[in-house]
Amino acid sequence: LLGDSDKLARVFSNIIKNAVNYSLDSS
């Protein structure tokens, strides 16, 4: 796709980080 790689990387990094922080242990 056509996009800003740095900015989109930040999008996925932020959301994945959120998922890691708020997910259950050992999940």
mmCIF file of all heavy atoms, coordinates in Angstrom:
data_MODEL
# 
_entry.id   MODEL 
# 
loop_
_atom_site.group_PDB 
_atom_site.id 
_atom_site.type_symbol 
_atom_site.label_atom_id 
_atom_site.label_alt_id 
_atom_site.label_comp_id 
_atom_site.label_asym_id 
_atom_site.label_entity_id 
_atom_site.label_seq_id 
_atom_site.pdbx_PDB_ins_code 
_atom_site.Cartn_x 
_atom_site.Cartn_y 
_atom_site.Cartn_z 
_atom_site.occupancy 
_atom_site.B_iso_or_equiv 
_atom_site.pdbx_formal_charge 
_atom_site.auth_seq_id 
_atom_site.auth_comp_id 
_atom_site.auth_asym_id 
_atom_site.auth_atom_id 
_atom_site.pdbx_PDB_model_num 
ATOM 1   N N   . LEU A 1 1  ? 0.834  -1.204  0.000  1.00 0.00 ? 1  LEU A N   1 
ATOM 2   C CA  . LEU A 1 1  ? 0.000  0.000   0.000  1.00 0.00 ? 1  LEU A CA  1 
ATOM 3   C C   . LEU A 1 1  ? 0.867  1.251   0.000  1.00 0.00 ? 1  LEU A C   1 
ATOM 4   O O   . LEU A 1 1  ? 2.077  1.191   0.233  1.00 0.00 ? 1  LEU A O   1 
ATOM 5   C CB  . LEU A 1 1  ? -0.974 0.005   1.182  1.00 0.00 ? 1  LEU A CB  1 
ATOM 6   C CG  . LEU A 1 1  ? -0.437 -0.119  2.605  1.00 0.00 ? 1  LEU A CG  1 
ATOM 7   C CD1 . LEU A 1 1  ? 0.085  1.197   3.118  1.00 0.00 ? 1  LEU A CD1 1 
ATOM 8   C CD2 . LEU A 1 1  ? -1.533 -0.634  3.529  1.00 0.00 ? 1  LEU A CD2 1 
ATOM 9   N N   . LEU A 1 2  ? 0.230  2.362   -0.300 1.00 0.00 ? 2  LEU A N   1 
ATOM 10  C CA  . LEU A 1 2  ? 0.919  3.649   -0.332 1.00 0.00 ? 2  LEU A CA  1 
ATOM 11  C C   . LEU A 1 2  ? 0.677  4.351   1.000  1.00 0.00 ? 2  LEU A C   1 
ATOM 12  O O   . LEU A 1 2  ? -0.456 4.650   1.348  1.00 0.00 ? 2  LEU A O   1 
ATOM 13  C CB  . LEU A 1 2  ? 0.380  4.509   -1.485 1.00 0.00 ? 2  LEU A CB  1 
ATOM 14  C CG  . LEU A 1 2  ? 1.181  5.765   -1.848 1.00 0.00 ? 2  LEU A CG  1 
ATOM 15  C CD1 . LEU A 1 2  ? 2.542  5.391   -2.406 1.00 0.00 ? 2  LEU A CD1 1 
ATOM 16  C CD2 . LEU A 1 2  ? 0.410  6.613   -2.843 1.00 0.00 ? 2  LEU A CD2 1 
ATOM 17  N N   . GLY A 1 3  ? 1.772  4.596   1.735  1.00 0.00 ? 3  GLY A N   1 
ATOM 18  C CA  . GLY A 1 3  ? 1.608  5.236   3.040  1.00 0.00 ? 3  GLY A CA  1 
ATOM 19  C C   . GLY A 1 3  ? 2.939  5.704   3.602  1.00 0.00 ? 3  GLY A C   1 
ATOM 20  O O   . GLY A 1 3  ? 4.001  5.446   3.028  1.00 0.00 ? 3  GLY A O   1 
ATOM 21  N N   . ASP A 1 4  ? 2.859  6.386   4.705  1.00 0.00 ? 4  ASP A N   1 
ATOM 22  C CA  . ASP A 1 4  ? 4.054  6.862   5.416  1.00 0.00 ? 4  ASP A CA  1 
ATOM 23  C C   . ASP A 1 4  ? 4.503  5.740   6.341  1.00 0.00 ? 4  ASP A C   1 
ATOM 24  O O   . ASP A 1 4  ? 3.853  5.442   7.346  1.00 0.00 ? 4  ASP A O   1 
ATOM 25  C CB  . ASP A 1 4  ? 3.714  8.123   6.218  1.00 0.00 ? 4  ASP A CB  1 
ATOM 26  C CG  . ASP A 1 4  ? 4.938  8.786   6.811  1.00 0.00 ? 4  ASP A CG  1 
ATOM 27  O OD1 . ASP A 1 4  ? 5.770  8.059   7.389  1.00 0.00 ? 4  ASP A OD1 1 
ATOM 28  O OD2 . ASP A 1 4  ? 5.054  10.020  6.720  1.00 0.00 ? 4  ASP A OD2 1 
ATOM 29  N N   . SER A 1 5  ? 5.626  5.106   6.017  1.00 0.00 ? 5  SER A N   1 
ATOM 30  C CA  . SER A 1 5  ? 6.069  3.920   6.760  1.00 0.00 ? 5  SER A CA  1 
ATOM 31  C C   . SER A 1 5  ? 6.350  4.227   8.231  1.00 0.00 ? 5  SER A C   1 
ATOM 32  O O   . SER A 1 5  ? 5.974  3.458   9.116  1.00 0.00 ? 5  SER A O   1 
ATOM 33  C CB  . SER A 1 5  ? 7.320  3.325   6.093  1.00 0.00 ? 5  SER A CB  1 
ATOM 34  O OG  . SER A 1 5  ? 8.344  4.301   6.006  1.00 0.00 ? 5  SER A OG  1 
ATOM 35  N N   . ASP A 1 6  ? 7.000  5.363   8.496  1.00 0.00 ? 6  ASP A N   1 
ATOM 36  C CA  . ASP A 1 6  ? 7.313  5.718   9.893  1.00 0.00 ? 6  ASP A CA  1 
ATOM 37  C C   . ASP A 1 6  ? 6.051  5.955   10.706 1.00 0.00 ? 6  ASP A C   1 
ATOM 38  O O   . ASP A 1 6  ? 5.927  5.495   11.848 1.00 0.00 ? 6  ASP A O   1 
ATOM 39  C CB  . ASP A 1 6  ? 8.196  6.971   9.936  1.00 0.00 ? 6  ASP A CB  1 
ATOM 40  C CG  . ASP A 1 6  ? 9.586  6.716   9.388  1.00 0.00 ? 6  ASP A CG  1 
ATOM 41  O OD1 . ASP A 1 6  ? 10.018 5.545   9.420  1.00 0.00 ? 6  ASP A OD1 1 
ATOM 42  O OD2 . ASP A 1 6  ? 10.227 7.670   8.918  1.00 0.00 ? 6  ASP A OD2 1 
ATOM 43  N N   . LYS A 1 7  ? 5.093  6.683   10.116 1.00 0.00 ? 7  LYS A N   1 
ATOM 44  C CA  . LYS A 1 7  ? 3.866  7.009   10.841 1.00 0.00 ? 7  LYS A CA  1 
ATOM 45  C C   . LYS A 1 7  ? 3.009  5.762   11.061 1.00 0.00 ? 7  LYS A C   1 
ATOM 46  O O   . LYS A 1 7  ? 2.460  5.560   12.148 1.00 0.00 ? 7  LYS A O   1 
ATOM 47  C CB  . LYS A 1 7  ? 3.051  8.065   10.081 1.00 0.00 ? 7  LYS A CB  1 
ATOM 48  C CG  . LYS A 1 7  ? 3.781  9.369   9.780  1.00 0.00 ? 7  LYS A CG  1 
ATOM 49  C CD  . LYS A 1 7  ? 4.099  10.140  11.022 1.00 0.00 ? 7  LYS A CD  1 
ATOM 50  C CE  . LYS A 1 7  ? 4.615  11.545  10.714 1.00 0.00 ? 7  LYS A CE  1 
ATOM 51  N NZ  . LYS A 1 7  ? 5.785  11.584  9.853  1.00 0.00 ? 7  LYS A NZ  1 
ATOM 52  N N   . LEU A 1 8  ? 2.884  4.916   10.030 1.00 0.00 ? 8  LEU A N   1 
ATOM 53  C CA  . LEU A 1 8  ? 2.089  3.691   10.171 1.00 0.00 ? 8  LEU A CA  1 
ATOM 54  C C   . LEU A 1 8  ? 2.753  2.722   11.151 1.00 0.00 ? 8  LEU A C   1 
ATOM 55  O O   . LEU A 1 8  ? 2.066  2.015   11.901 1.00 0.00 ? 8  LEU A O   1 
ATOM 56  C CB  . LEU A 1 8  ? 1.887  3.014   8.812  1.00 0.00 ? 8  LEU A CB  1 
ATOM 57  C CG  . LEU A 1 8  ? 0.891  3.707   7.873  1.00 0.00 ? 8  LEU A CG  1 
ATOM 58  C CD1 . LEU A 1 8  ? 0.852  3.002   6.534  1.00 0.00 ? 8  LEU A CD1 1 
ATOM 59  C CD2 . LEU A 1 8  ? -0.508 3.748   8.491  1.00 0.00 ? 8  LEU A CD2 1 
ATOM 60  N N   . ALA A 1 9  ? 4.087  2.704   11.161 1.00 0.00 ? 9  ALA A N   1 
ATOM 61  C CA  . ALA A 1 9  ? 4.792  1.870   12.144 1.00 0.00 ? 9  ALA A CA  1 
ATOM 62  C C   . ALA A 1 9  ? 4.439  2.312   13.556 1.00 0.00 ? 9  ALA A C   1 
ATOM 63  O O   . ALA A 1 9  ? 4.274  1.486   14.466 1.00 0.00 ? 9  ALA A O   1 
ATOM 64  C CB  . ALA A 1 9  ? 6.301  1.964   11.914 1.00 0.00 ? 9  ALA A CB  1 
ATOM 65  N N   . ARG A 1 10 ? 4.293  3.607   13.742 1.00 0.00 ? 10 ARG A N   1 
ATOM 66  C CA  . ARG A 1 10 ? 3.920  4.126   15.054 1.00 0.00 ? 10 ARG A CA  1 
ATOM 67  C C   . ARG A 1 10 ? 2.498  3.713   15.418 1.00 0.00 ? 10 ARG A C   1 
ATOM 68  O O   . ARG A 1 10 ? 2.205  3.409   16.568 1.00 0.00 ? 10 ARG A O   1 
ATOM 69  C CB  . ARG A 1 10 ? 4.036  5.650   15.068 1.00 0.00 ? 10 ARG A CB  1 
ATOM 70  C CG  . ARG A 1 10 ? 3.842  6.253   16.443 1.00 0.00 ? 10 ARG A CG  1 
ATOM 71  C CD  . ARG A 1 10 ? 4.156  7.714   16.470 1.00 0.00 ? 10 ARG A CD  1 
ATOM 72  N NE  . ARG A 1 10 ? 4.101  8.235   17.831 1.00 0.00 ? 10 ARG A NE  1 
ATOM 73  C CZ  . ARG A 1 10 ? 4.277  9.503   18.152 1.00 0.00 ? 10 ARG A CZ  1 
ATOM 74  N NH1 . ARG A 1 10 ? 4.531  10.388  17.210 1.00 0.00 ? 10 ARG A NH1 1 
ATOM 75  N NH2 . ARG A 1 10 ? 4.216  9.889   19.406 1.00 0.00 ? 10 ARG A NH2 1 
ATOM 76  N N   . VAL A 1 11 ? 1.614  3.695   14.416 1.00 0.00 ? 11 VAL A N   1 
ATOM 77  C CA  . VAL A 1 11 ? 0.229  3.266   14.660 1.00 0.00 ? 11 VAL A CA  1 
ATOM 78  C C   . VAL A 1 11 ? 0.206  1.847   15.215 1.00 0.00 ? 11 VAL A C   1 
ATOM 79  O O   . VAL A 1 11 ? -0.369 1.582   16.281 1.00 0.00 ? 11 VAL A O   1 
ATOM 80  C CB  . VAL A 1 11 ? -0.604 3.328   13.351 1.00 0.00 ? 11 VAL A CB  1 
ATOM 81  C CG1 . VAL A 1 11 ? -1.943 2.612   13.534 1.00 0.00 ? 11 VAL A CG1 1 
ATOM 82  C CG2 . VAL A 1 11 ? -0.823 4.755   12.923 1.00 0.00 ? 11 VAL A CG2 1 
ATOM 83  N N   . PHE A 1 12 ? 0.849  0.920   14.489 1.00 0.00 ? 12 PHE A N   1 
ATOM 84  C CA  . PHE A 1 12 ? 0.810  -0.491  14.893 1.00 0.00 ? 12 PHE A CA  1 
ATOM 85  C C   . PHE A 1 12 ? 1.594  -0.725  16.181 1.00 0.00 ? 12 PHE A C   1 
ATOM 86  O O   . PHE A 1 12 ? 1.192  -1.533  17.020 1.00 0.00 ? 12 PHE A O   1 
ATOM 87  C CB  . PHE A 1 12 ? 1.333  -1.371  13.753 1.00 0.00 ? 12 PHE A CB  1 
ATOM 88  C CG  . PHE A 1 12 ? 0.465  -1.331  12.529 1.00 0.00 ? 12 PHE A CG  1 
ATOM 89  C CD1 . PHE A 1 12 ? 0.938  -0.793  11.345 1.00 0.00 ? 12 PHE A CD1 1 
ATOM 90  C CD2 . PHE A 1 12 ? -0.832 -1.799  12.565 1.00 0.00 ? 12 PHE A CD2 1 
ATOM 91  C CE1 . PHE A 1 12 ? 0.127  -0.737  10.217 1.00 0.00 ? 12 PHE A CE1 1 
ATOM 92  C CE2 . PHE A 1 12 ? -1.660 -1.755  11.452 1.00 0.00 ? 12 PHE A CE2 1 
ATOM 93  C CZ  . PHE A 1 12 ? -1.169 -1.210  10.272 1.00 0.00 ? 12 PHE A CZ  1 
ATOM 94  N N   . SER A 1 13 ? 2.685  -0.001  16.348 1.00 0.00 ? 13 SER A N   1 
ATOM 95  C CA  . SER A 1 13 ? 3.473  -0.126  17.579 1.00 0.00 ? 13 SER A CA  1 
ATOM 96  C C   . SER A 1 13 ? 2.643  0.315   18.790 1.00 0.00 ? 13 SER A C   1 
ATOM 97  O O   . SER A 1 13 ? 2.630  -0.361  19.830 1.00 0.00 ? 13 SER A O   1 
ATOM 98  C CB  . SER A 1 13 ? 4.745  0.721   17.470 1.00 0.00 ? 13 SER A CB  1 
ATOM 99  O OG  . SER A 1 13 ? 5.509  0.619   18.646 1.00 0.00 ? 13 SER A OG  1 
ATOM 100 N N   . ASN A 1 14 ? 1.917  1.439   18.646 1.00 0.00 ? 14 ASN A N   1 
ATOM 101 C CA  . ASN A 1 14 ? 1.094  1.940   19.751 1.00 0.00 ? 14 ASN A CA  1 
ATOM 102 C C   . ASN A 1 14 ? -0.022 0.971   20.116 1.00 0.00 ? 14 ASN A C   1 
ATOM 103 O O   . ASN A 1 14 ? -0.287 0.715   21.289 1.00 0.00 ? 14 ASN A O   1 
ATOM 104 C CB  . ASN A 1 14 ? 0.494  3.299   19.402 1.00 0.00 ? 14 ASN A CB  1 
ATOM 105 C CG  . ASN A 1 14 ? 1.513  4.422   19.423 1.00 0.00 ? 14 ASN A CG  1 
ATOM 106 O OD1 . ASN A 1 14 ? 2.624  4.247   19.907 1.00 0.00 ? 14 ASN A OD1 1 
ATOM 107 N ND2 . ASN A 1 14 ? 1.150  5.570   18.895 1.00 0.00 ? 14 ASN A ND2 1 
ATOM 108 N N   . ILE A 1 15 ? -0.691 0.427   19.089 1.00 0.00 ? 15 ILE A N   1 
ATOM 109 C CA  . ILE A 1 15 ? -1.826 -0.461  19.349 1.00 0.00 ? 15 ILE A CA  1 
ATOM 110 C C   . ILE A 1 15 ? -1.353 -1.808  19.885 1.00 0.00 ? 15 ILE A C   1 
ATOM 111 O O   . ILE A 1 15 ? -1.966 -2.384  20.804 1.00 0.00 ? 15 ILE A O   1 
ATOM 112 C CB  . ILE A 1 15 ? -2.684 -0.626  18.078 1.00 0.00 ? 15 ILE A CB  1 
ATOM 113 C CG1 . ILE A 1 15 ? -3.317 0.724   17.705 1.00 0.00 ? 15 ILE A CG1 1 
ATOM 114 C CG2 . ILE A 1 15 ? -3.782 -1.673  18.288 1.00 0.00 ? 15 ILE A CG2 1 
ATOM 115 C CD1 . ILE A 1 15 ? -4.134 0.718   16.436 1.00 0.00 ? 15 ILE A CD1 1 
ATOM 116 N N   . ILE A 1 16 ? -0.253 -2.331  19.331 1.00 0.00 ? 16 ILE A N   1 
ATOM 117 C CA  . ILE A 1 16 ? 0.291  -3.603  19.829 1.00 0.00 ? 16 ILE A CA  1 
ATOM 118 C C   . ILE A 1 16 ? 0.779  -3.440  21.274 1.00 0.00 ? 16 ILE A C   1 
ATOM 119 O O   . ILE A 1 16 ? 0.561  -4.313  22.123 1.00 0.00 ? 16 ILE A O   1 
ATOM 120 C CB  . ILE A 1 16 ? 1.427  -4.108  18.918 1.00 0.00 ? 16 ILE A CB  1 
ATOM 121 C CG1 . ILE A 1 16 ? 0.862  -4.506  17.547 1.00 0.00 ? 16 ILE A CG1 1 
ATOM 122 C CG2 . ILE A 1 16 ? 2.140  -5.306  19.550 1.00 0.00 ? 16 ILE A CG2 1 
ATOM 123 C CD1 . ILE A 1 16 ? 1.913  -4.800  16.500 1.00 0.00 ? 16 ILE A CD1 1 
ATOM 124 N N   . LYS A 1 17 ? 1.426  -2.306  21.546 1.00 0.00 ? 17 LYS A N   1 
ATOM 125 C CA  . LYS A 1 17 ? 1.885  -2.031  22.914 1.00 0.00 ? 17 LYS A CA  1 
ATOM 126 C C   . LYS A 1 17 ? 0.705  -2.001  23.870 1.00 0.00 ? 17 LYS A C   1 
ATOM 127 O O   . LYS A 1 17 ? 0.777  -2.531  24.994 1.00 0.00 ? 17 LYS A O   1 
ATOM 128 C CB  . LYS A 1 17 ? 2.623  -0.694  22.949 1.00 0.00 ? 17 LYS A CB  1 
ATOM 129 C CG  . LYS A 1 17 ? 3.180  -0.334  24.318 1.00 0.00 ? 17 LYS A CG  1 
ATOM 130 C CD  . LYS A 1 17 ? 3.886  1.005   24.271 1.00 0.00 ? 17 LYS A CD  1 
ATOM 131 C CE  . LYS A 1 17 ? 4.425  1.386   25.659 1.00 0.00 ? 17 LYS A CE  1 
ATOM 132 N NZ  . LYS A 1 17 ? 5.089  2.720   25.627 1.00 0.00 ? 17 LYS A NZ  1 
ATOM 133 N N   . ASN A 1 18 ? -0.391 -1.386  23.435 1.00 0.00 ? 18 ASN A N   1 
ATOM 134 C CA  . ASN A 1 18 ? -1.605 -1.334  24.250 1.00 0.00 ? 18 ASN A CA  1 
ATOM 135 C C   . ASN A 1 18 ? -2.128 -2.745  24.516 1.00 0.00 ? 18 ASN A C   1 
ATOM 136 O O   . ASN A 1 18 ? -2.529 -3.077  25.637 1.00 0.00 ? 18 ASN A O   1 
ATOM 137 C CB  . ASN A 1 18 ? -2.663 -0.503  23.518 1.00 0.00 ? 18 ASN A CB  1 
ATOM 138 C CG  . ASN A 1 18 ? -3.915 -0.283  24.349 1.00 0.00 ? 18 ASN A CG  1 
ATOM 139 O OD1 . ASN A 1 18 ? -3.967 0.578   25.198 1.00 0.00 ? 18 ASN A OD1 1 
ATOM 140 N ND2 . ASN A 1 18 ? -4.933 -1.104  24.092 1.00 0.00 ? 18 ASN A ND2 1 
ATOM 141 N N   . ALA A 1 19 ? -2.110 -3.595  23.460 1.00 0.00 ? 19 ALA A N   1 
ATOM 142 C CA  . ALA A 1 19 ? -2.586 -4.978  23.599 1.00 0.00 ? 19 ALA A CA  1 
ATOM 143 C C   . ALA A 1 19 ? -1.701 -5.768  24.553 1.00 0.00 ? 19 ALA A C   1 
ATOM 144 O O   . ALA A 1 19 ? -2.195 -6.551  25.371 1.00 0.00 ? 19 ALA A O   1 
ATOM 145 C CB  . ALA A 1 19 ? -2.627 -5.644  22.229 1.00 0.00 ? 19 ALA A CB  1 
ATOM 146 N N   . VAL A 1 20 ? -0.396 -5.555  24.478 1.00 0.00 ? 20 VAL A N   1 
ATOM 147 C CA  . VAL A 1 20 ? 0.544  -6.253  25.358 1.00 0.00 ? 20 VAL A CA  1 
ATOM 148 C C   . VAL A 1 20 ? 0.331  -5.824  26.807 1.00 0.00 ? 20 VAL A C   1 
ATOM 149 O O   . VAL A 1 20 ? 0.274  -6.641  27.724 1.00 0.00 ? 20 VAL A O   1 
ATOM 150 C CB  . VAL A 1 20 ? 2.006  -5.986  24.923 1.00 0.00 ? 20 VAL A CB  1 
ATOM 151 C CG1 . VAL A 1 20 ? 2.973  -6.528  25.959 1.00 0.00 ? 20 VAL A CG1 1 
ATOM 152 C CG2 . VAL A 1 20 ? 2.281  -6.611  23.564 1.00 0.00 ? 20 VAL A CG2 1 
ATOM 153 N N   . ASN A 1 21 ? 0.193  -4.531  27.035 1.00 0.00 ? 21 ASN A N   1 
ATOM 154 C CA  . ASN A 1 21 ? 0.056  -4.003  28.398 1.00 0.00 ? 21 ASN A CA  1 
ATOM 155 C C   . ASN A 1 21 ? -1.231 -4.444  29.081 1.00 0.00 ? 21 ASN A C   1 
ATOM 156 O O   . ASN A 1 21 ? -1.254 -4.683  30.286 1.00 0.00 ? 21 ASN A O   1 
ATOM 157 C CB  . ASN A 1 21 ? 0.114  -2.469  28.373 1.00 0.00 ? 21 ASN A CB  1 
ATOM 158 C CG  . ASN A 1 21 ? 1.515  -1.950  28.142 1.00 0.00 ? 21 ASN A CG  1 
ATOM 159 O OD1 . ASN A 1 21 ? 2.501  -2.649  28.368 1.00 0.00 ? 21 ASN A OD1 1 
ATOM 160 N ND2 . ASN A 1 21 ? 1.620  -0.724  27.674 1.00 0.00 ? 21 ASN A ND2 1 
ATOM 161 N N   . TYR A 1 22 ? -2.316 -4.536  28.305 1.00 0.00 ? 22 TYR A N   1 
ATOM 162 C CA  . TYR A 1 22 ? -3.618 -4.776  28.913 1.00 0.00 ? 22 TYR A CA  1 
ATOM 163 C C   . TYR A 1 22 ? -4.123 -6.212  28.740 1.00 0.00 ? 22 TYR A C   1 
ATOM 164 O O   . TYR A 1 22 ? -5.242 -6.511  29.142 1.00 0.00 ? 22 TYR A O   1 
ATOM 165 C CB  . TYR A 1 22 ? -4.647 -3.799  28.348 1.00 0.00 ? 22 TYR A CB  1 
ATOM 166 C CG  . TYR A 1 22 ? -4.450 -2.382  28.844 1.00 0.00 ? 22 TYR A CG  1 
ATOM 167 C CD1 . TYR A 1 22 ? -3.762 -1.448  28.075 1.00 0.00 ? 22 TYR A CD1 1 
ATOM 168 C CD2 . TYR A 1 22 ? -4.928 -1.986  30.087 1.00 0.00 ? 22 TYR A CD2 1 
ATOM 169 C CE1 . TYR A 1 22 ? -3.565 -0.149  28.532 1.00 0.00 ? 22 TYR A CE1 1 
ATOM 170 C CE2 . TYR A 1 22 ? -4.742 -0.690  30.553 1.00 0.00 ? 22 TYR A CE2 1 
ATOM 171 C CZ  . TYR A 1 22 ? -4.056 0.220   29.772 1.00 0.00 ? 22 TYR A CZ  1 
ATOM 172 O OH  . TYR A 1 22 ? -3.858 1.491   30.226 1.00 0.00 ? 22 TYR A OH  1 
ATOM 173 N N   . SER A 1 23 ? -3.339 -7.083  28.139 1.00 0.00 ? 23 SER A N   1 
ATOM 174 C CA  . SER A 1 23 ? -3.767 -8.479  27.983 1.00 0.00 ? 23 SER A CA  1 
ATOM 175 C C   . SER A 1 23 ? -3.466 -9.269  29.247 1.00 0.00 ? 23 SER A C   1 
ATOM 176 O O   . SER A 1 23 ? -2.646 -8.862  30.078 1.00 0.00 ? 23 SER A O   1 
ATOM 177 C CB  . SER A 1 23 ? -3.067 -9.119  26.780 1.00 0.00 ? 23 SER A CB  1 
ATOM 178 O OG  . SER A 1 23 ? -1.658 -9.056  26.935 1.00 0.00 ? 23 SER A OG  1 
ATOM 179 N N   . LEU A 1 24 ? -4.143 -10.395 29.378 1.00 0.00 ? 24 LEU A N   1 
ATOM 180 C CA  . LEU A 1 24 ? -3.947 -11.247 30.550 1.00 0.00 ? 24 LEU A CA  1 
ATOM 181 C C   . LEU A 1 24 ? -2.558 -11.868 30.537 1.00 0.00 ? 24 LEU A C   1 
ATOM 182 O O   . LEU A 1 24 ? -1.937 -12.030 29.475 1.00 0.00 ? 24 LEU A O   1 
ATOM 183 C CB  . LEU A 1 24 ? -5.009 -12.348 30.565 1.00 0.00 ? 24 LEU A CB  1 
ATOM 184 C CG  . LEU A 1 24 ? -6.475 -11.893 30.703 1.00 0.00 ? 24 LEU A CG  1 
ATOM 185 C CD1 . LEU A 1 24 ? -7.405 -13.085 30.565 1.00 0.00 ? 24 LEU A CD1 1 
ATOM 186 C CD2 . LEU A 1 24 ? -6.707 -11.179 32.024 1.00 0.00 ? 24 LEU A CD2 1 
ATOM 187 N N   . ASP A 1 25 ? -2.078 -12.234 31.704 1.00 0.00 ? 25 ASP A N   1 
ATOM 188 C CA  . ASP A 1 25 ? -0.758 -12.870 31.803 1.00 0.00 ? 25 ASP A CA  1 
ATOM 189 C C   . ASP A 1 25 ? -0.736 -14.180 31.020 1.00 0.00 ? 25 ASP A C   1 
ATOM 190 O O   . ASP A 1 25 ? -1.721 -14.940 31.001 1.00 0.00 ? 25 ASP A O   1 
ATOM 191 C CB  . ASP A 1 25 ? -0.417 -13.152 33.274 1.00 0.00 ? 25 ASP A CB  1 
ATOM 192 C CG  . ASP A 1 25 ? -0.228 -11.865 34.071 1.00 0.00 ? 25 ASP A CG  1 
ATOM 193 O OD1 . ASP A 1 25 ? 0.040  -10.821 33.435 1.00 0.00 ? 25 ASP A OD1 1 
ATOM 194 O OD2 . ASP A 1 25 ? -0.370 -11.901 35.310 1.00 0.00 ? 25 ASP A OD2 1 
ATOM 195 N N   . SER A 1 26 ? 0.410  -14.437 30.386 1.00 0.00 ? 26 SER A N   1 
ATOM 196 C CA  . SER A 1 26 ? 0.639  -15.689 29.634 1.00 0.00 ? 26 SER A CA  1 
ATOM 197 C C   . SER A 1 26 ? -0.425 -15.915 28.556 1.00 0.00 ? 26 SER A C   1 
ATOM 198 O O   . SER A 1 26 ? -0.806 -17.058 28.269 1.00 0.00 ? 26 SER A O   1 
ATOM 199 C CB  . SER A 1 26 ? 0.671  -16.887 30.590 1.00 0.00 ? 26 SER A CB  1 
ATOM 200 O OG  . SER A 1 26 ? 1.630  -16.685 31.600 1.00 0.00 ? 26 SER A OG  1 
ATOM 201 N N   . SER A 1 27 ? -0.920 -14.847 27.957 1.00 0.00 ? 27 SER A N   1 
ATOM 202 C CA  . SER A 1 27 ? -1.958 -14.973 26.920 1.00 0.00 ? 27 SER A CA  1 
ATOM 203 C C   . SER A 1 27 ? -1.373 -14.742 25.535 1.00 0.00 ? 27 SER A C   1 
ATOM 204 O O   . SER A 1 27 ? -0.222 -14.331 25.381 1.00 0.00 ? 27 SER A O   1 
ATOM 205 C CB  . SER A 1 27 ? -3.105 -13.999 27.177 1.00 0.00 ? 27 SER A CB  1 
ATOM 206 O OG  . SER A 1 27 ? -2.638 -12.668 27.128 1.00 0.00 ? 27 SER A OG  1 
# 
